[in-house]
C-alpha atoms as a PDB file:
ATOM      1  CA  MET A   1      78.577 127.588  96.827  1.00  0.00           C
ATOM      2  CA  ILE A   2      80.384 129.134  93.857  1.00  0.00           C
ATOM      3  CA  PHE A   3      82.637 126.666  92.095  1.00  0.00           C
ATOM      4  CA  SER A   4      86.244 127.422  91.223  1.00  0.00           C
ATOM      5  CA  GLU A   5      87.781 128.170  87.871  1.00  0.00           C
ATOM      6  CA  SER A   6      91.142 127.139  86.489  1.00  0.00           C
ATOM      7  CA  LEU A   7      94.050 129.539  86.524  1.00  0.00           C
ATOM      8  CA  LYS A   8      95.469 129.300  83.003  1.00  0.00           C
ATOM      9  CA  LYS A   9      97.237 132.470  81.913  1.00  0.00           C
ATOM     10  CA  HIS A  10     100.977 132.829  82.441  1.00  0.00           C
ATOM     11  CA  LYS A  11     100.427 136.390  83.665  1.00  0.00           C
ATOM     12  CA  ASP A  12      98.097 135.159  86.423  1.00  0.00           C
ATOM     13  CA  PHE A  13     100.564 132.482  87.543  1.00  0.00           C
ATOM     14  CA  GLN A  14     103.374 135.057  87.674  1.00  0.00           C
ATOM     15  CA  ASN A  15     101.206 137.416  89.736  1.00  0.00           C
ATOM     16  CA  VAL A  16     100.534 134.675  92.301  1.00  0.00           C
ATOM     17  CA  TYR A  17     104.235 133.710  92.411  1.00  0.00           C
ATOM     18  CA  LYS A  18     105.411 137.306  92.916  1.00  0.00           C
ATOM     19  CA  LYS A  19     102.770 138.652  95.301  1.00  0.00           C
ATOM     20  CA  GLY A  20     101.410 135.529  96.993  1.00  0.00           C
ATOM     21  CA  ARG A  21     102.432 133.722 100.163  1.00  0.00           C
ATOM     22  CA  SER A  22     103.924 130.270  99.783  1.00  0.00           C
ATOM     23  CA  LEU A  23     104.000 127.356 102.168  1.00  0.00           C
ATOM     24  CA  ALA A  24     105.135 123.813 101.479  1.00  0.00           C
ATOM     25  CA  ASN A  25     105.189 120.279 102.764  1.00  0.00           C
ATOM     26  CA  SER A  26     107.008 117.226 101.410  1.00  0.00           C
ATOM     27  CA  VAL A  27     104.480 116.655  98.605  1.00  0.00           C
ATOM     28  CA  LEU A  28     103.161 120.077  97.504  1.00  0.00           C
ATOM     29  CA  VAL A  29     103.924 123.783  97.487  1.00  0.00           C
ATOM     30  CA  MET A  30     100.951 126.165  97.668  1.00  0.00           C
ATOM     31  CA  TYR A  31     100.957 129.840  96.707  1.00  0.00           C
ATOM     32  CA  VAL A  32      97.917 131.874  97.750  1.00  0.00           C
ATOM     33  CA  ILE A  33      96.865 135.449  97.013  1.00  0.00           C
ATOM     34  CA  LYS A  34      93.526 137.164  97.482  1.00  0.00           C
ATOM     35  CA  ASN A  35      91.668 138.007  94.267  1.00  0.00           C
ATOM     36  CA  GLU A  36      88.821 140.441  93.651  1.00  0.00           C
ATOM     37  CA  LEU A  37      86.396 137.677  92.718  1.00  0.00           C
ATOM     38  CA  GLU A  38      83.851 135.760  94.751  1.00  0.00           C
ATOM     39  CA  ARG A  39      85.314 132.418  93.711  1.00  0.00           C
ATOM     40  CA  ASN A  40      88.656 130.669  93.823  1.00  0.00           C
ATOM     41  CA  ARG A  41      90.901 130.088  90.855  1.00  0.00           C
ATOM     42  CA  LEU A  42      93.142 127.025  90.994  1.00  0.00           C
ATOM     43  CA  GLY A  43      96.341 126.540  89.016  1.00  0.00           C
ATOM     44  CA  ILE A  44      98.369 123.336  89.079  1.00  0.00           C
ATOM     45  CA  SER A  45     101.993 123.041  88.028  1.00  0.00           C
ATOM     46  CA  VAL A  46     103.945 119.799  87.649  1.00  0.00           C
ATOM     47  CA  SER A  47     107.562 119.958  86.501  1.00  0.00           C
ATOM     48  CA  LYS A  48     109.132 117.568  84.004  1.00  0.00           C
ATOM     49  CA  LYS A  49     111.458 116.506  86.817  1.00  0.00           C
ATOM     50  CA  VAL A  50     108.528 114.703  88.443  1.00  0.00           C
ATOM     51  CA  GLY A  51     108.123 112.192  85.620  1.00  0.00           C
ATOM     52  CA  ASN A  52     106.943 111.641  82.090  1.00  0.00           C
ATOM     53  CA  SER A  53     103.742 113.148  80.722  1.00  0.00           C
ATOM     54  CA  VAL A  54     101.590 110.259  81.944  1.00  0.00           C
ATOM     55  CA  VAL A  55     102.818 110.665  85.536  1.00  0.00           C
ATOM     56  CA  ARG A  56     102.507 114.464  85.405  1.00  0.00           C
ATOM     57  CA  HIS A  57      98.960 114.327  84.050  1.00  0.00           C
ATOM     58  CA  HIS A  58      97.975 111.703  86.636  1.00  0.00           C
ATOM     59  CA  LEU A  59      99.266 113.920  89.469  1.00  0.00           C
ATOM     60  CA  THR A  60      97.452 116.930  88.011  1.00  0.00           C
ATOM     61  CA  ARG A  61      94.195 114.961  87.995  1.00  0.00           C
ATOM     62  CA  LEU A  62      94.785 113.813  91.589  1.00  0.00           C
ATOM     63  CA  VAL A  63      95.334 117.382  92.814  1.00  0.00           C
ATOM     64  CA  ARG A  64      92.340 118.711  90.869  1.00  0.00           C
ATOM     65  CA  GLU A  65      90.053 115.960  92.176  1.00  0.00           C
ATOM     66  CA  SER A  66      91.318 116.402  95.762  1.00  0.00           C
ATOM     67  CA  TYR A  67      90.541 120.099  95.545  1.00  0.00           C
ATOM     68  CA  ARG A  68      87.165 119.535  93.882  1.00  0.00           C
ATOM     69  CA  LEU A  69      85.954 117.171  96.591  1.00  0.00           C
ATOM     70  CA  SER A  70      87.049 119.458  99.432  1.00  0.00           C
ATOM     71  CA  GLU A  71      86.188 122.727  97.651  1.00  0.00           C
ATOM     72  CA  GLY A  72      83.312 123.489 100.010  1.00  0.00           C
ATOM     73  CA  HIS A  73      85.772 123.824 102.896  1.00  0.00           C
ATOM     74  CA  PHE A  74      88.035 126.384 101.168  1.00  0.00           C
ATOM     75  CA  ARG A  75      87.299 130.069 101.699  1.00  0.00           C
ATOM     76  CA  CYS A  76      86.272 131.981  98.565  1.00  0.00           C
ATOM     77  CA  GLY A  77      88.127 134.804  96.866  1.00  0.00           C
ATOM     78  CA  TYR A  78      91.633 133.379  96.393  1.00  0.00           C
ATOM     79  CA  ASP A  79      93.990 132.519  93.564  1.00  0.00           C
ATOM     80  CA  ILE A  80      95.714 129.270  94.484  1.00  0.00           C
ATOM     81  CA  VAL A  81      98.686 127.739  92.676  1.00  0.00           C
ATOM     82  CA  VAL A  82      99.673 124.212  93.677  1.00  0.00           C
ATOM     83  CA  ILE A  83     103.110 122.949  92.644  1.00  0.00           C
ATOM     84  CA  VAL A  84     103.684 119.214  92.831  1.00  0.00           C
ATOM     85  CA  ARG A  85     107.118 118.358  94.229  1.00  0.00           C
ATOM     86  CA  THR A  86     109.485 115.800  92.769  1.00  0.00           C
ATOM     87  CA  GLY A  87     108.867 113.082  95.374  1.00  0.00           C
ATOM     88  CA  ALA A  88     105.117 113.024  94.744  1.00  0.00           C
ATOM     89  CA  GLY A  89     105.326 110.609  91.813  1.00  0.00           C
ATOM     90  CA  GLU A  90     104.618 107.572  93.950  1.00  0.00           C
ATOM     91  CA  LYS A  91     101.994 109.181  96.214  1.00  0.00           C
ATOM     92  CA  ASN A  92      98.400 108.009  96.113  1.00  0.00           C
ATOM     93  CA  TYR A  93      95.174 110.026  96.154  1.00  0.00           C
ATOM     94  CA  HIS A  94      94.793 110.071  99.948  1.00  0.00           C
ATOM     95  CA  GLU A  95      98.344 111.364 100.510  1.00  0.00           C
ATOM     96  CA  ILE A  96      97.834 114.125  97.917  1.00  0.00           C
ATOM     97  CA  LYS A  97      94.488 115.116  99.441  1.00  0.00           C
ATOM     98  CA  SER A  98      95.891 115.198 102.975  1.00  0.00           C
ATOM     99  CA  ALA A  99      98.858 117.324 101.798  1.00  0.00           C
ATOM    100  CA  LEU A 100      96.475 119.754 100.049  1.00  0.00           C
ATOM    101  CA  ILE A 101      94.260 120.095 103.135  1.00  0.00           C
ATOM    102  CA  HIS A 102      97.315 120.508 105.364  1.00  0.00           C
ATOM    103  CA  LEU A 103      98.541 123.447 103.260  1.00  0.00           C
ATOM    104  CA  GLY A 104      95.039 124.936 103.153  1.00  0.00           C
ATOM    105  CA  LYS A 105      94.967 124.902 106.960  1.00  0.00           C
ATOM    106  CA  LEU A 106      98.433 126.477 107.170  1.00  0.00           C
ATOM    107  CA  HIS A 107      97.312 129.288 104.852  1.00  0.00           C
ATOM    108  CA  LYS A 108      94.124 129.623 106.931  1.00  0.00           C
ATOM    109  CA  ILE A 109      91.910 129.247 103.866  1.00  0.00           C
ATOM    110  CA  TYR A 110      90.581 125.798 104.822  1.00  0.00           C
ATOM    111  CA  LYS A 111      87.746 125.827 107.308  1.00  0.00           C
ATOM    112  CA  GLN A 112      86.396 122.833 109.191  1.00  0.00           C
ATOM    113  CA  ASP A 113      82.636 122.461 109.584  1.00  0.00           C
END
């Protein structure tokens, strides 16, 4: 299994926003576009509307850890941007993980074993 990288450059985020498909649930929004690589690149965005820096960083860590633990189920070769919605501030790890997997299944990039 090839592990994912982080999506960091503004240009890469804009490319995913403009050309990618987006689907959402009450907790997260996920943009997905195919890349030319053999691994996924994950970008996480949390707006200041969600909370202060401590809350935003905590949610970023929850999303990153949820993805990391279920990374083996995601198909390779995609740029994925996850946007945390405003109501997610009081969600716990299991709710974030289930929302992430739900969106992965909707995008058809999450495969069950």
